[in-house]
């Protein structure tokens, strides 16, 4: 399941503290993986930051609880756009790495 949260840019440091806490725990954000992007970079609201993650449903429920005081799930249309942009970015990176690898074949 994919989830995108949004927060005011002024709360970005608070969000990052939660995301970076206890990185070795079995249910840590570090183990699941996430991306934090400024709205301006994504072509969204420049006053907001967005947190993207792909995780099982049970982890998303825990994330909802842990982040509730600093971030909320993004509206569906924003979430869809952010997911598409980040996945496109990841595909571009993967293609770039593959083409570098092909240079040495």
C-alpha atoms as a PDB file:
ATOM      1  CA  UNK A   1       0.000   0.000   0.000  1.00  0.00           C
ATOM      2  CA  UNK A   2       1.207   3.499  -0.794  1.00  0.00           C
ATOM      3  CA  UNK A   3       0.590   6.470   1.486  1.00  0.00           C
ATOM      4  CA  UNK A   4       1.404  10.132   1.163  1.00  0.00           C
ATOM      5  CA  UNK A   5       1.231  12.413   4.171  1.00  0.00           C
ATOM      6  CA  UNK A   6       1.409  16.170   4.091  1.00  0.00           C
ATOM      7  CA  UNK A   7       2.580  18.630   6.701  1.00  0.00           C
ATOM      8  CA  UNK A   8       3.298  22.318   6.884  1.00  0.00           C
ATOM      9  CA  UNK A   9       6.925  22.930   6.007  1.00  0.00           C
ATOM     10  CA  UNK A  10       7.357  24.460   9.460  1.00  0.00           C
ATOM     11  CA  UNK A  11       6.744  20.978  10.953  1.00  0.00           C
ATOM     12  CA  UNK A  12       9.189  19.158   8.662  1.00  0.00           C
ATOM     13  CA  UNK A  13      11.844  18.874  11.412  1.00  0.00           C
ATOM     14  CA  UNK A  14       9.260  17.372  13.804  1.00  0.00           C
ATOM     15  CA  UNK A  15       8.246  14.849  11.145  1.00  0.00           C
ATOM     16  CA  UNK A  16      11.872  13.920  10.468  1.00  0.00           C
ATOM     17  CA  UNK A  17      12.472  13.305  14.207  1.00  0.00           C
ATOM     18  CA  UNK A  18       9.629  10.785  14.216  1.00  0.00           C
ATOM     19  CA  UNK A  19      10.750   9.168  10.968  1.00  0.00           C
ATOM     20  CA  UNK A  20      14.369   8.846  12.118  1.00  0.00           C
ATOM     21  CA  UNK A  21      13.613   7.598  15.642  1.00  0.00           C
ATOM     22  CA  UNK A  22      14.843   4.110  16.556  1.00  0.00           C
ATOM     23  CA  UNK A  23      15.999   3.101  13.041  1.00  0.00           C
ATOM     24  CA  UNK A  24      16.894  -0.454  14.125  1.00  0.00           C
ATOM     25  CA  UNK A  25      13.448  -1.351  15.489  1.00  0.00           C
ATOM     26  CA  UNK A  26      11.650  -4.014  13.469  1.00  0.00           C
ATOM     27  CA  UNK A  27       8.781  -1.627  12.744  1.00  0.00           C
ATOM     28  CA  UNK A  28      10.828   1.517  12.117  1.00  0.00           C
ATOM     29  CA  UNK A  29      10.267   3.924   9.265  1.00  0.00           C
ATOM     30  CA  UNK A  30      13.908   3.395   8.271  1.00  0.00           C
ATOM     31  CA  UNK A  31      13.283  -0.300   7.595  1.00  0.00           C
ATOM     32  CA  UNK A  32      10.161   0.411   5.531  1.00  0.00           C
ATOM     33  CA  UNK A  33      11.717   3.286   3.640  1.00  0.00           C
ATOM     34  CA  UNK A  34      10.224   6.665   2.941  1.00  0.00           C
ATOM     35  CA  UNK A  35      10.873   9.851   1.017  1.00  0.00           C
ATOM     36  CA  UNK A  36      10.335  13.404   2.248  1.00  0.00           C
ATOM     37  CA  UNK A  37       9.898  15.979  -0.512  1.00  0.00           C
ATOM     38  CA  UNK A  38       9.152  19.687  -0.453  1.00  0.00           C
ATOM     39  CA  UNK A  39       5.963  20.703  -2.216  1.00  0.00           C
ATOM     40  CA  UNK A  40       7.823  23.085  -4.506  1.00  0.00           C
ATOM     41  CA  UNK A  41      10.009  20.238  -5.833  1.00  0.00           C
ATOM     42  CA  UNK A  42       6.898  18.152  -6.565  1.00  0.00           C
ATOM     43  CA  UNK A  43       4.935  20.971  -8.161  1.00  0.00           C
ATOM     44  CA  UNK A  44       2.501  20.932  -5.259  1.00  0.00           C
ATOM     45  CA  UNK A  45       1.788  23.405  -2.443  1.00  0.00           C
ATOM     46  CA  UNK A  46       5.118  25.105  -1.728  1.00  0.00           C
ATOM     47  CA  UNK A  47       4.137  25.649   1.916  1.00  0.00           C
ATOM     48  CA  UNK A  48       3.916  21.894   2.502  1.00  0.00           C
ATOM     49  CA  UNK A  49       6.215  18.901   2.672  1.00  0.00           C
ATOM     50  CA  UNK A  50       5.134  15.426   1.618  1.00  0.00           C
ATOM     51  CA  UNK A  51       6.099  12.054   3.056  1.00  0.00           C
ATOM     52  CA  UNK A  52       5.835   9.074   0.697  1.00  0.00           C
ATOM     53  CA  UNK A  53       6.005   5.444   1.752  1.00  0.00           C
ATOM     54  CA  UNK A  54       5.129   2.016   0.487  1.00  0.00           C
ATOM     55  CA  UNK A  55       4.297  -0.350   3.324  1.00  0.00           C
ATOM     56  CA  UNK A  56       1.916  -3.092   4.448  1.00  0.00           C
ATOM     57  CA  UNK A  57      -1.499  -1.975   5.732  1.00  0.00           C
ATOM     58  CA  UNK A  58      -0.641  -2.728   9.368  1.00  0.00           C
ATOM     59  CA  UNK A  59       2.436  -0.481   9.196  1.00  0.00           C
ATOM     60  CA  UNK A  60       0.410   2.315   7.571  1.00  0.00           C
ATOM     61  CA  UNK A  61      -2.015   2.182  10.508  1.00  0.00           C
ATOM     62  CA  UNK A  62       0.917   2.575  12.931  1.00  0.00           C
ATOM     63  CA  UNK A  63       2.328   5.393  10.802  1.00  0.00           C
ATOM     64  CA  UNK A  64      -1.044   7.173  10.852  1.00  0.00           C
ATOM     65  CA  UNK A  65      -0.944   7.052  14.645  1.00  0.00           C
ATOM     66  CA  UNK A  66       2.711   8.086  15.019  1.00  0.00           C
ATOM     67  CA  UNK A  67       2.410  11.022  12.619  1.00  0.00           C
ATOM     68  CA  UNK A  68      -1.075  12.258  13.561  1.00  0.00           C
ATOM     69  CA  UNK A  69       0.181  15.283  15.528  1.00  0.00           C
ATOM     70  CA  UNK A  70       2.485  16.577  12.772  1.00  0.00           C
ATOM     71  CA  UNK A  71       1.184  15.242   9.435  1.00  0.00           C
ATOM     72  CA  UNK A  72      -2.017  13.942   7.918  1.00  0.00           C
ATOM     73  CA  UNK A  73      -2.776  11.771   4.909  1.00  0.00           C
ATOM     74  CA  UNK A  74      -2.792  13.923   1.776  1.00  0.00           C
ATOM     75  CA  UNK A  75      -6.072  14.379  -0.109  1.00  0.00           C
ATOM     76  CA  UNK A  76      -6.622  11.571  -2.644  1.00  0.00           C
ATOM     77  CA  UNK A  77      -5.899  13.683  -5.740  1.00  0.00           C
ATOM     78  CA  UNK A  78      -2.669  15.051  -4.233  1.00  0.00           C
ATOM     79  CA  UNK A  79      -1.628  11.594  -3.070  1.00  0.00           C
ATOM     80  CA  UNK A  80      -2.136  10.187  -6.569  1.00  0.00           C
ATOM     81  CA  UNK A  81      -0.015  12.921  -8.192  1.00  0.00           C
ATOM     82  CA  UNK A  82       2.782  12.614  -5.631  1.00  0.00           C
ATOM     83  CA  UNK A  83       2.909   8.813  -5.967  1.00  0.00           C
ATOM     84  CA  UNK A  84       3.079   9.092  -9.764  1.00  0.00           C
ATOM     85  CA  UNK A  85       5.864  11.698  -9.629  1.00  0.00           C
ATOM     86  CA  UNK A  86       7.975   9.753  -7.135  1.00  0.00           C
ATOM     87  CA  UNK A  87       7.533   6.453  -8.981  1.00  0.00           C
ATOM     88  CA  UNK A  88       8.480   8.132 -12.261  1.00  0.00           C
ATOM     89  CA  UNK A  89      11.572   9.571 -10.549  1.00  0.00           C
ATOM     90  CA  UNK A  90      12.515   6.110  -9.237  1.00  0.00           C
ATOM     91  CA  UNK A  91      12.092   4.574 -12.706  1.00  0.00           C
ATOM     92  CA  UNK A  92      14.348   7.251 -14.201  1.00  0.00           C
ATOM     93  CA  UNK A  93      17.021   6.503 -11.619  1.00  0.00           C
ATOM     94  CA  UNK A  94      16.776   2.765 -12.297  1.00  0.00           C
ATOM     95  CA  UNK A  95      17.068   3.353 -16.049  1.00  0.00           C
ATOM     96  CA  UNK A  96      20.103   5.596 -15.495  1.00  0.00           C
ATOM     97  CA  UNK A  97      21.841   2.979 -13.375  1.00  0.00           C
ATOM     98  CA  UNK A  98      21.082   0.289 -15.961  1.00  0.00           C
ATOM     99  CA  UNK A  99      22.489   2.400 -18.779  1.00  0.00           C
ATOM    100  CA  UNK A 100      25.678   3.026 -16.791  1.00  0.00           C
ATOM    101  CA  UNK A 101      25.994  -0.725 -16.260  1.00  0.00           C
ATOM    102  CA  UNK A 102      25.550  -1.309 -19.999  1.00  0.00           C
ATOM    103  CA  UNK A 103      28.505   0.983 -20.717  1.00  0.00           C
ATOM    104  CA  UNK A 104      30.804  -1.636 -19.163  1.00  0.00           C
ATOM    105  CA  UNK A 105      29.413  -4.643 -21.036  1.00  0.00           C
END
